[in-house]
Amino acid sequence: MGVVGAGISTLIARIIECAITVFWVHKHAATTPFVLHAYREFHIPKQLIKNILKKGSPLMANEILWAIGQTLIMQAYSVRGLSVIASLNISSTVSNLFNIVYVALGSAVAVMVGQLLGANQAEQAKDTARKLLFFSVVSCLVIGLLMFVIAPFFPEIYHTDQTVKRLASQFIAIAALCMPMYAFNHASYFILRSGGQTFLTFLFDSVFTCFIVLPLAVLLSTHTALSIVLVYLFCQLVELLKSGIGYQLIKSGKWIQTIVHENN
């Protein structure tokens, strides 16, 4: 069924995922009391709507702009030929398998730090955030090394020409070496978000992508004779700036002050 089959299977997976979640939540209503009387009425207080929009709008805008930014970055790479797009697709496939580690740890950061902030345990939240950040980076250092080792072999399972396979191996190797940085940035994003700093995370994520990474990708792809591998490498390494910004924000403790003040 080709692309149509991929779309249908994705939709089915989402429906099943939703059904499992709904079933489990209602089956364990004692531990998930928010579901009790959830369907009694559909009125939403205006103040709640305002709060949702205030905190949620930057997150929605972030997701939209980040997706647009990634699409345009891929388009910038595409001026170097279709083989680049094919190799990047292979690279992103294997990267996503290994990225599960730091994605899951990012979610853990959001939950664990958020719970401590909700309990007004600011110092413990800071300590937990630092430990989880360190654990995420170290874990992805190990996973990145494993990914680097398999980089030359994974593209061989694809039925494509050697140029695409060679480029894919190089892209995978770059992604593997950058994985600790990805882990740091991802965990930093969720630490800032757990403190209620949604606008700050909007600037940290999609604005950085659209106004730093994207222009660099366009400039290097269309106005230089650098190989696409070096272009890709530089576009990944520029995120070290984000790492520095994230480090300073977390170190300052400002990400936590707002929510503590509200709780008090």
C-alpha atoms as a PDB file:
ATOM      1  CA  MET A   1       0.000   0.000   0.000  1.00  0.00           C
ATOM      2  CA  GLY A   2       3.030   2.254   0.079  1.00  0.00           C
ATOM      3  CA  VAL A   3       2.592   5.723   1.562  1.00  0.00           C
ATOM      4  CA  VAL A   4      -1.168   5.187   1.981  1.00  0.00           C
ATOM      5  CA  GLY A   5      -0.473   2.093   4.086  1.00  0.00           C
ATOM      6  CA  ALA A   6       1.989   4.018   6.234  1.00  0.00           C
ATOM      7  CA  GLY A   7      -0.639   6.696   6.860  1.00  0.00           C
ATOM      8  CA  ILE A   8      -3.355   4.166   7.703  1.00  0.00           C
ATOM      9  CA  SER A   9      -1.091   2.195  10.049  1.00  0.00           C
ATOM     10  CA  THR A  10      -0.061   5.410  11.830  1.00  0.00           C
ATOM     11  CA  LEU A  11      -3.714   6.365  12.347  1.00  0.00           C
ATOM     12  CA  ILE A  12      -4.587   2.896  13.646  1.00  0.00           C
ATOM     13  CA  ALA A  13      -1.636   3.022  16.058  1.00  0.00           C
ATOM     14  CA  ARG A  14      -2.785   6.388  17.432  1.00  0.00           C
ATOM     15  CA  ILE A  15      -6.350   5.130  17.933  1.00  0.00           C
ATOM     16  CA  ILE A  16      -5.110   2.023  19.767  1.00  0.00           C
ATOM     17  CA  GLU A  17      -2.782   4.152  21.889  1.00  0.00           C
ATOM     18  CA  CYS A  18      -5.671   6.432  22.873  1.00  0.00           C
ATOM     19  CA  ALA A  19      -7.971   3.473  23.621  1.00  0.00           C
ATOM     20  CA  ILE A  20      -5.385   1.859  25.910  1.00  0.00           C
ATOM     21  CA  THR A  21      -4.844   5.125  27.781  1.00  0.00           C
ATOM     22  CA  VAL A  22      -8.569   5.793  28.228  1.00  0.00           C
ATOM     23  CA  PHE A  23      -9.212   2.208  29.378  1.00  0.00           C
ATOM     24  CA  TRP A  24      -6.352   2.222  31.905  1.00  0.00           C
ATOM     25  CA  VAL A  25      -7.283   5.605  33.365  1.00  0.00           C
ATOM     26  CA  HIS A  26     -10.920   4.599  33.900  1.00  0.00           C
ATOM     27  CA  LYS A  27      -9.902   1.191  35.264  1.00  0.00           C
ATOM     28  CA  HIS A  28      -7.701   2.890  37.880  1.00  0.00           C
ATOM     29  CA  ALA A  29      -9.955   5.824  38.755  1.00  0.00           C
ATOM     30  CA  ALA A  30      -8.886   5.619  42.402  1.00  0.00           C
ATOM     31  CA  THR A  31      -5.334   6.607  41.483  1.00  0.00           C
ATOM     32  CA  THR A  32      -6.411   8.931  38.650  1.00  0.00           C
ATOM     33  CA  PRO A  33      -9.174  10.953  40.333  1.00  0.00           C
ATOM     34  CA  PHE A  34      -9.140  13.600  37.613  1.00  0.00           C
ATOM     35  CA  VAL A  35     -11.235  11.260  35.458  1.00  0.00           C
ATOM     36  CA  LEU A  36     -14.096  11.133  37.978  1.00  0.00           C
ATOM     37  CA  HIS A  37     -17.097  13.095  36.667  1.00  0.00           C
ATOM     38  CA  ALA A  38     -14.988  14.154  33.703  1.00  0.00           C
ATOM     39  CA  TYR A  39     -18.021  13.955  31.414  1.00  0.00           C
ATOM     40  CA  ARG A  40     -20.558  15.462  33.797  1.00  0.00           C
ATOM     41  CA  GLU A  41     -20.448  18.801  32.017  1.00  0.00           C
ATOM     42  CA  PHE A  42     -18.433  20.436  29.272  1.00  0.00           C
ATOM     43  CA  HIS A  43     -18.302  23.945  30.677  1.00  0.00           C
ATOM     44  CA  ILE A  44     -14.785  25.344  31.010  1.00  0.00           C
ATOM     45  CA  PRO A  45     -14.334  28.381  33.279  1.00  0.00           C
ATOM     46  CA  LYS A  46     -13.056  31.473  31.492  1.00  0.00           C
ATOM     47  CA  GLN A  47     -10.180  31.868  33.919  1.00  0.00           C
ATOM     48  CA  LEU A  48      -9.063  28.305  33.201  1.00  0.00           C
ATOM     49  CA  ILE A  49      -9.192  28.999  29.454  1.00  0.00           C
ATOM     50  CA  LYS A  50      -7.063  32.107  29.972  1.00  0.00           C
ATOM     51  CA  ASN A  51      -4.520  30.143  31.998  1.00  0.00           C
ATOM     52  CA  ILE A  52      -4.398  27.373  29.383  1.00  0.00           C
ATOM     53  CA  LEU A  53      -3.882  29.868  26.573  1.00  0.00           C
ATOM     54  CA  LYS A  54      -1.295  31.775  28.581  1.00  0.00           C
ATOM     55  CA  LYS A  55       0.811  28.699  29.276  1.00  0.00           C
ATOM     56  CA  GLY A  56      -0.154  26.567  26.290  1.00  0.00           C
ATOM     57  CA  SER A  57       0.056  29.030  23.405  1.00  0.00           C
ATOM     58  CA  PRO A  58       3.871  29.251  23.441  1.00  0.00           C
ATOM     59  CA  LEU A  59       4.037  25.438  23.431  1.00  0.00           C
ATOM     60  CA  MET A  60       1.626  25.138  20.492  1.00  0.00           C
ATOM     61  CA  ALA A  61       3.470  27.848  18.589  1.00  0.00           C
ATOM     62  CA  ASN A  62       6.732  26.094  19.417  1.00  0.00           C
ATOM     63  CA  GLU A  63       5.603  22.782  17.923  1.00  0.00           C
ATOM     64  CA  ILE A  64       4.317  24.456  14.747  1.00  0.00           C
ATOM     65  CA  LEU A  65       7.374  26.632  14.176  1.00  0.00           C
ATOM     66  CA  TRP A  66       9.790  23.822  15.024  1.00  0.00           C
ATOM     67  CA  ALA A  67       8.140  21.554  12.427  1.00  0.00           C
ATOM     68  CA  ILE A  68       8.241  24.328   9.836  1.00  0.00           C
ATOM     69  CA  GLY A  69      11.869  25.035  10.675  1.00  0.00           C
ATOM     70  CA  GLN A  70      12.858  21.385  10.288  1.00  0.00           C
ATOM     71  CA  THR A  71      11.055  21.173   6.949  1.00  0.00           C
ATOM     72  CA  LEU A  72      12.860  24.254   5.639  1.00  0.00           C
ATOM     73  CA  ILE A  73      16.207  22.961   6.888  1.00  0.00           C
ATOM     74  CA  MET A  74      15.613  19.742   4.963  1.00  0.00           C
ATOM     75  CA  GLN A  75      14.718  21.799   1.901  1.00  0.00           C
ATOM     76  CA  ALA A  76      18.005  23.688   2.269  1.00  0.00           C
ATOM     77  CA  TYR A  77      19.896  20.400   2.317  1.00  0.00           C
ATOM     78  CA  SER A  78      17.944  19.179  -0.731  1.00  0.00           C
ATOM     79  CA  VAL A  79      19.649  21.687  -3.049  1.00  0.00           C
ATOM     80  CA  ARG A  80      22.645  19.346  -2.869  1.00  0.00           C
ATOM     81  CA  GLY A  81      20.685  16.557  -4.579  1.00  0.00           C
ATOM     82  CA  LEU A  82      18.111  13.839  -3.961  1.00  0.00           C
ATOM     83  CA  SER A  83      20.789  11.468  -2.675  1.00  0.00           C
ATOM     84  CA  VAL A  84      21.220  13.800   0.303  1.00  0.00           C
ATOM     85  CA  ILE A  85      17.528  13.567   1.162  1.00  0.00           C
ATOM     86  CA  ALA A  86      17.563   9.774   0.845  1.00  0.00           C
ATOM     87  CA  SER A  87      20.628   9.466   3.080  1.00  0.00           C
ATOM     88  CA  LEU A  88      19.174  11.864   5.662  1.00  0.00           C
ATOM     89  CA  ASN A  89      15.994   9.783   5.787  1.00  0.00           C
ATOM     90  CA  ILE A  90      18.051   6.671   6.508  1.00  0.00           C
ATOM     91  CA  SER A  91      20.047   8.559   9.124  1.00  0.00           C
ATOM     92  CA  SER A  92      16.943   9.913  10.857  1.00  0.00           C
ATOM     93  CA  THR A  93      15.448   6.409  10.971  1.00  0.00           C
ATOM     94  CA  VAL A  94      18.353   4.893  12.874  1.00  0.00           C
ATOM     95  CA  SER A  95      18.789   8.048  14.966  1.00  0.00           C
ATOM     96  CA  ASN A  96      15.172   7.871  16.116  1.00  0.00           C
ATOM     97  CA  LEU A  97      15.760   4.342  17.393  1.00  0.00           C
ATOM     98  CA  PHE A  98      18.579   5.538  19.648  1.00  0.00           C
ATOM     99  CA  ASN A  99      17.015   8.905  20.463  1.00  0.00           C
ATOM    100  CA  ILE A 100      14.349   7.067  22.453  1.00  0.00           C
ATOM    101  CA  VAL A 101      16.785   7.139  25.378  1.00  0.00           C
ATOM    102  CA  TYR A 102      17.057  10.907  25.775  1.00  0.00           C
ATOM    103  CA  VAL A 103      13.427  11.471  24.768  1.00  0.00           C
ATOM    104  CA  ALA A 104      12.294   9.164  27.577  1.00  0.00           C
ATOM    105  CA  LEU A 105      14.695  10.780  30.040  1.00  0.00           C
ATOM    106  CA  GLY A 106      13.338  14.199  29.064  1.00  0.00           C
ATOM    107  CA  SER A 107       9.850  13.034  29.989  1.00  0.00           C
ATOM    108  CA  ALA A 108      11.204  11.694  33.286  1.00  0.00           C
ATOM    109  CA  VAL A 109      12.768  15.083  34.004  1.00  0.00           C
ATOM    110  CA  ALA A 110       9.446  16.832  33.386  1.00  0.00           C
ATOM    111  CA  VAL A 111       7.524  14.477  35.679  1.00  0.00           C
ATOM    112  CA  MET A 112       9.993  14.179  38.552  1.00  0.00           C
ATOM    113  CA  VAL A 113      11.053  17.825  38.689  1.00  0.00           C
ATOM    114  CA  GLY A 114       7.470  18.973  38.153  1.00  0.00           C
ATOM    115  CA  GLN A 115       6.262  16.919  41.116  1.00  0.00           C
ATOM    116  CA  LEU A 116       8.885  18.428  43.386  1.00  0.00           C
ATOM    117  CA  LEU A 117       8.040  21.937  42.254  1.00  0.00           C
ATOM    118  CA  GLY A 118       4.367  21.226  42.839  1.00  0.00           C
ATOM    119  CA  ALA A 119       5.269  20.202  46.386  1.00  0.00           C
ATOM    120  CA  ASN A 120       7.215  23.480  46.737  1.00  0.00           C
ATOM    121  CA  GLN A 121      10.496  21.628  47.252  1.00  0.00           C
ATOM    122  CA  ALA A 122      12.621  24.003  45.200  1.00  0.00           C
ATOM    123  CA  GLU A 123      16.059  22.925  46.374  1.00  0.00           C
ATOM    124  CA  GLN A 124      15.303  19.254  45.912  1.00  0.00           C
ATOM    125  CA  ALA A 125      13.929  20.038  42.456  1.00  0.00           C
ATOM    126  CA  LYS A 126      17.189  21.784  41.529  1.00  0.00           C
ATOM    127  CA  ASP A 127      19.245  18.858  42.807  1.00  0.00           C
ATOM    128  CA  THR A 128      17.072  16.321  40.978  1.00  0.00           C
ATOM    129  CA  ALA A 129      17.264  18.358  37.761  1.00  0.00           C
ATOM    130  CA  ARG A 130      21.079  18.416  37.916  1.00  0.00           C
ATOM    131  CA  LYS A 131      21.307  14.681  38.551  1.00  0.00           C
ATOM    132  CA  LEU A 132      18.874  13.773  35.785  1.00  0.00           C
ATOM    133  CA  LEU A 133      20.675  16.106  33.394  1.00  0.00           C
ATOM    134  CA  PHE A 134      23.987  14.420  34.184  1.00  0.00           C
ATOM    135  CA  PHE A 135      22.461  10.937  33.916  1.00  0.00           C
ATOM    136  CA  SER A 136      20.904  11.772  30.556  1.00  0.00           C
ATOM    137  CA  VAL A 137      24.194  13.019  29.104  1.00  0.00           C
ATOM    138  CA  VAL A 138      26.210  10.049  30.385  1.00  0.00           C
ATOM    139  CA  SER A 139      23.605   7.549  29.159  1.00  0.00           C
ATOM    140  CA  CYS A 140      23.612   9.097  25.704  1.00  0.00           C
ATOM    141  CA  LEU A 141      27.386   9.130  25.634  1.00  0.00           C
ATOM    142  CA  VAL A 142      27.258   5.330  25.875  1.00  0.00           C
ATOM    143  CA  ILE A 143      24.354   5.026  23.432  1.00  0.00           C
ATOM    144  CA  GLY A 144      26.060   7.431  21.030  1.00  0.00           C
ATOM    145  CA  LEU A 145      29.205   5.318  20.995  1.00  0.00           C
ATOM    146  CA  LEU A 146      27.134   2.236  20.193  1.00  0.00           C
ATOM    147  CA  MET A 147      25.365   4.118  17.416  1.00  0.00           C
ATOM    148  CA  PHE A 148      28.725   5.296  16.035  1.00  0.00           C
ATOM    149  CA  VAL A 149      29.938   1.694  15.846  1.00  0.00           C
ATOM    150  CA  ILE A 150      26.952   0.531  13.772  1.00  0.00           C
ATOM    151  CA  ALA A 151      26.947   3.637  11.540  1.00  0.00           C
ATOM    152  CA  PRO A 152      28.759   1.907   8.633  1.00  0.00           C
ATOM    153  CA  PHE A 153      26.512  -1.178   8.739  1.00  0.00           C
ATOM    154  CA  PHE A 154      22.923   0.046   9.174  1.00  0.00           C
ATOM    155  CA  PRO A 155      22.544   1.654   5.687  1.00  0.00           C
ATOM    156  CA  GLU A 156      23.469  -1.696   4.104  1.00  0.00           C
ATOM    157  CA  ILE A 157      19.961  -3.047   4.787  1.00  0.00           C
ATOM    158  CA  TYR A 158      18.559  -0.501   2.321  1.00  0.00           C
ATOM    159  CA  HIS A 159      18.327  -1.212  -1.408  1.00  0.00           C
ATOM    160  CA  THR A 160      19.951   1.954  -2.685  1.00  0.00           C
ATOM    161  CA  ASP A 161      23.189   3.057  -4.322  1.00  0.00           C
ATOM    162  CA  GLN A 162      26.534   3.300  -2.581  1.00  0.00           C
ATOM    163  CA  THR A 163      26.568   7.104  -2.588  1.00  0.00           C
ATOM    164  CA  VAL A 164      23.421   7.223  -0.470  1.00  0.00           C
ATOM    165  CA  LYS A 165      24.746   4.523   1.865  1.00  0.00           C
ATOM    166  CA  ARG A 166      28.053   6.337   2.323  1.00  0.00           C
ATOM    167  CA  LEU A 167      26.391   9.656   3.095  1.00  0.00           C
ATOM    168  CA  ALA A 168      23.927   7.981   5.444  1.00  0.00           C
ATOM    169  CA  SER A 169      26.781   6.362   7.389  1.00  0.00           C
ATOM    170  CA  GLN A 170      28.489   9.728   7.783  1.00  0.00           C
ATOM    171  CA  PHE A 171      25.273  11.440   8.903  1.00  0.00           C
ATOM    172  CA  ILE A 172      24.638   8.660  11.432  1.00  0.00           C
ATOM    173  CA  ALA A 173      28.179   9.013  12.780  1.00  0.00           C
ATOM    174  CA  ILE A 174      27.718  12.772  13.226  1.00  0.00           C
ATOM    175  CA  ALA A 175      24.380  12.273  14.978  1.00  0.00           C
ATOM    176  CA  ALA A 176      25.999   9.670  17.243  1.00  0.00           C
ATOM    177  CA  LEU A 177      28.829  11.998  18.270  1.00  0.00           C
ATOM    178  CA  CYS A 178      26.340  14.801  18.927  1.00  0.00           C
ATOM    179  CA  MET A 179      23.968  12.656  20.977  1.00  0.00           C
ATOM    180  CA  PRO A 180      25.260  13.799  24.418  1.00  0.00           C
ATOM    181  CA  MET A 181      24.634  17.381  23.283  1.00  0.00           C
ATOM    182  CA  TYR A 182      21.134  16.462  22.093  1.00  0.00           C
ATOM    183  CA  ALA A 183      20.484  14.837  25.462  1.00  0.00           C
ATOM    184  CA  PHE A 184      21.644  17.921  27.361  1.00  0.00           C
ATOM    185  CA  ASN A 185      19.491  20.265  25.270  1.00  0.00           C
ATOM    186  CA  HIS A 186      16.441  18.016  25.470  1.00  0.00           C
ATOM    187  CA  ALA A 187      16.675  17.632  29.240  1.00  0.00           C
ATOM    188  CA  SER A 188      17.293  21.372  29.612  1.00  0.00           C
ATOM    189  CA  TYR A 189      14.160  22.075  27.589  1.00  0.00           C
ATOM    190  CA  PHE A 190      12.022  19.982  29.926  1.00  0.00           C
ATOM    191  CA  ILE A 191      13.656  21.380  33.049  1.00  0.00           C
ATOM    192  CA  LEU A 192      12.765  24.897  31.932  1.00  0.00           C
ATOM    193  CA  ARG A 193       9.271  23.772  30.967  1.00  0.00           C
ATOM    194  CA  SER A 194       8.687  22.051  34.306  1.00  0.00           C
ATOM    195  CA  GLY A 195       9.244  25.422  35.966  1.00  0.00           C
ATOM    196  CA  GLY A 196       6.412  26.944  33.963  1.00  0.00           C
ATOM    197  CA  GLN A 197       8.741  28.848  31.630  1.00  0.00           C
ATOM    198  CA  THR A 198       6.819  28.049  28.449  1.00  0.00           C
ATOM    199  CA  PHE A 199       7.750  31.243  26.628  1.00  0.00           C
ATOM    200  CA  LEU A 200      11.385  30.696  27.512  1.00  0.00           C
ATOM    201  CA  THR A 201      11.237  27.179  26.079  1.00  0.00           C
ATOM    202  CA  PHE A 202       9.617  28.628  22.948  1.00  0.00           C
ATOM    203  CA  LEU A 203      12.660  30.869  22.486  1.00  0.00           C
ATOM    204  CA  PHE A 204      15.012  28.044  23.434  1.00  0.00           C
ATOM    205  CA  ASP A 205      13.596  25.566  20.922  1.00  0.00           C
ATOM    206  CA  SER A 206      11.759  26.775  17.800  1.00  0.00           C
ATOM    207  CA  VAL A 207      13.085  30.350  17.713  1.00  0.00           C
ATOM    208  CA  PHE A 208      16.642  29.031  17.891  1.00  0.00           C
ATOM    209  CA  THR A 209      15.842  26.549  15.101  1.00  0.00           C
ATOM    210  CA  CYS A 210      14.220  29.129  12.817  1.00  0.00           C
ATOM    211  CA  PHE A 211      16.599  32.032  13.379  1.00  0.00           C
ATOM    212  CA  ILE A 212      19.945  30.313  13.977  1.00  0.00           C
ATOM    213  CA  VAL A 213      20.021  26.791  12.526  1.00  0.00           C
ATOM    214  CA  LEU A 214      17.845  27.445   9.460  1.00  0.00           C
ATOM    215  CA  PRO A 215      19.757  30.524   8.185  1.00  0.00           C
ATOM    216  CA  LEU A 216      23.042  28.686   8.728  1.00  0.00           C
ATOM    217  CA  ALA A 217      21.764  25.666   6.745  1.00  0.00           C
ATOM    218  CA  VAL A 218      20.606  27.898   3.881  1.00  0.00           C
ATOM    219  CA  LEU A 219      23.828  29.900   3.852  1.00  0.00           C
ATOM    220  CA  LEU A 220      26.167  26.901   3.884  1.00  0.00           C
ATOM    221  CA  SER A 221      24.101  24.840   1.426  1.00  0.00           C
ATOM    222  CA  THR A 222      23.573  27.532  -1.196  1.00  0.00           C
ATOM    223  CA  HIS A 223      26.509  29.935  -0.813  1.00  0.00           C
ATOM    224  CA  THR A 224      29.500  27.700  -0.043  1.00  0.00           C
ATOM    225  CA  ALA A 225      31.326  24.824  -1.684  1.00  0.00           C
ATOM    226  CA  LEU A 226      31.492  22.844   1.570  1.00  0.00           C
ATOM    227  CA  SER A 227      30.532  19.194   1.319  1.00  0.00           C
ATOM    228  CA  ILE A 228      27.028  18.373   2.564  1.00  0.00           C
ATOM    229  CA  VAL A 229      28.572  16.326   5.374  1.00  0.00           C
ATOM    230  CA  LEU A 230      30.386  19.403   6.714  1.00  0.00           C
ATOM    231  CA  VAL A 231      27.264  21.518   6.240  1.00  0.00           C
ATOM    232  CA  TYR A 232      25.293  19.008   8.297  1.00  0.00           C
ATOM    233  CA  LEU A 233      28.038  18.858  10.928  1.00  0.00           C
ATOM    234  CA  PHE A 234      28.172  22.637  11.378  1.00  0.00           C
ATOM    235  CA  CYS A 235      24.379  22.847  11.598  1.00  0.00           C
ATOM    236  CA  GLN A 236      24.437  20.274  14.399  1.00  0.00           C
ATOM    237  CA  LEU A 237      27.359  21.812  16.280  1.00  0.00           C
ATOM    238  CA  VAL A 238      25.748  25.261  16.315  1.00  0.00           C
ATOM    239  CA  GLU A 239      23.403  23.814  18.920  1.00  0.00           C
ATOM    240  CA  LEU A 240      26.290  24.017  21.346  1.00  0.00           C
ATOM    241  CA  LEU A 241      25.161  27.637  21.679  1.00  0.00           C
ATOM    242  CA  LYS A 242      21.836  26.329  22.908  1.00  0.00           C
ATOM    243  CA  SER A 243      23.650  24.099  25.384  1.00  0.00           C
ATOM    244  CA  GLY A 244      25.495  27.113  26.784  1.00  0.00           C
ATOM    245  CA  ILE A 245      22.277  29.113  27.066  1.00  0.00           C
ATOM    246  CA  GLY A 246      20.488  26.212  28.725  1.00  0.00           C
ATOM    247  CA  TYR A 247      23.321  25.731  31.197  1.00  0.00           C
ATOM    248  CA  GLN A 248      23.280  29.387  32.212  1.00  0.00           C
ATOM    249  CA  LEU A 249      19.489  29.454  32.588  1.00  0.00           C
ATOM    250  CA  ILE A 250      19.416  26.335  34.736  1.00  0.00           C
ATOM    251  CA  LYS A 251      22.411  27.438  36.782  1.00  0.00           C
ATOM    252  CA  SER A 252      20.777  30.819  37.497  1.00  0.00           C
ATOM    253  CA  GLY A 253      17.751  29.140  39.041  1.00  0.00           C
ATOM    254  CA  LYS A 254      15.394  31.635  37.380  1.00  0.00           C
ATOM    255  CA  TRP A 255      13.469  28.792  35.762  1.00  0.00           C
ATOM    256  CA  ILE A 256      12.250  27.801  39.220  1.00  0.00           C
ATOM    257  CA  GLN A 257      11.525  31.151  40.864  1.00  0.00           C
ATOM    258  CA  THR A 258       8.221  31.866  39.139  1.00  0.00           C
ATOM    259  CA  ILE A 259       6.473  28.698  40.173  1.00  0.00           C
ATOM    260  CA  VAL A 260       7.801  28.872  43.744  1.00  0.00           C
ATOM    261  CA  HIS A 261       6.535  32.442  44.045  1.00  0.00           C
ATOM    262  CA  GLU A 262       3.084  31.369  42.821  1.00  0.00           C
ATOM    263  CA  ASN A 263       2.961  28.491  45.285  1.00  0.00           C
ATOM    264  CA  ASN A 264       3.887  30.778  48.136  1.00  0.00           C
END
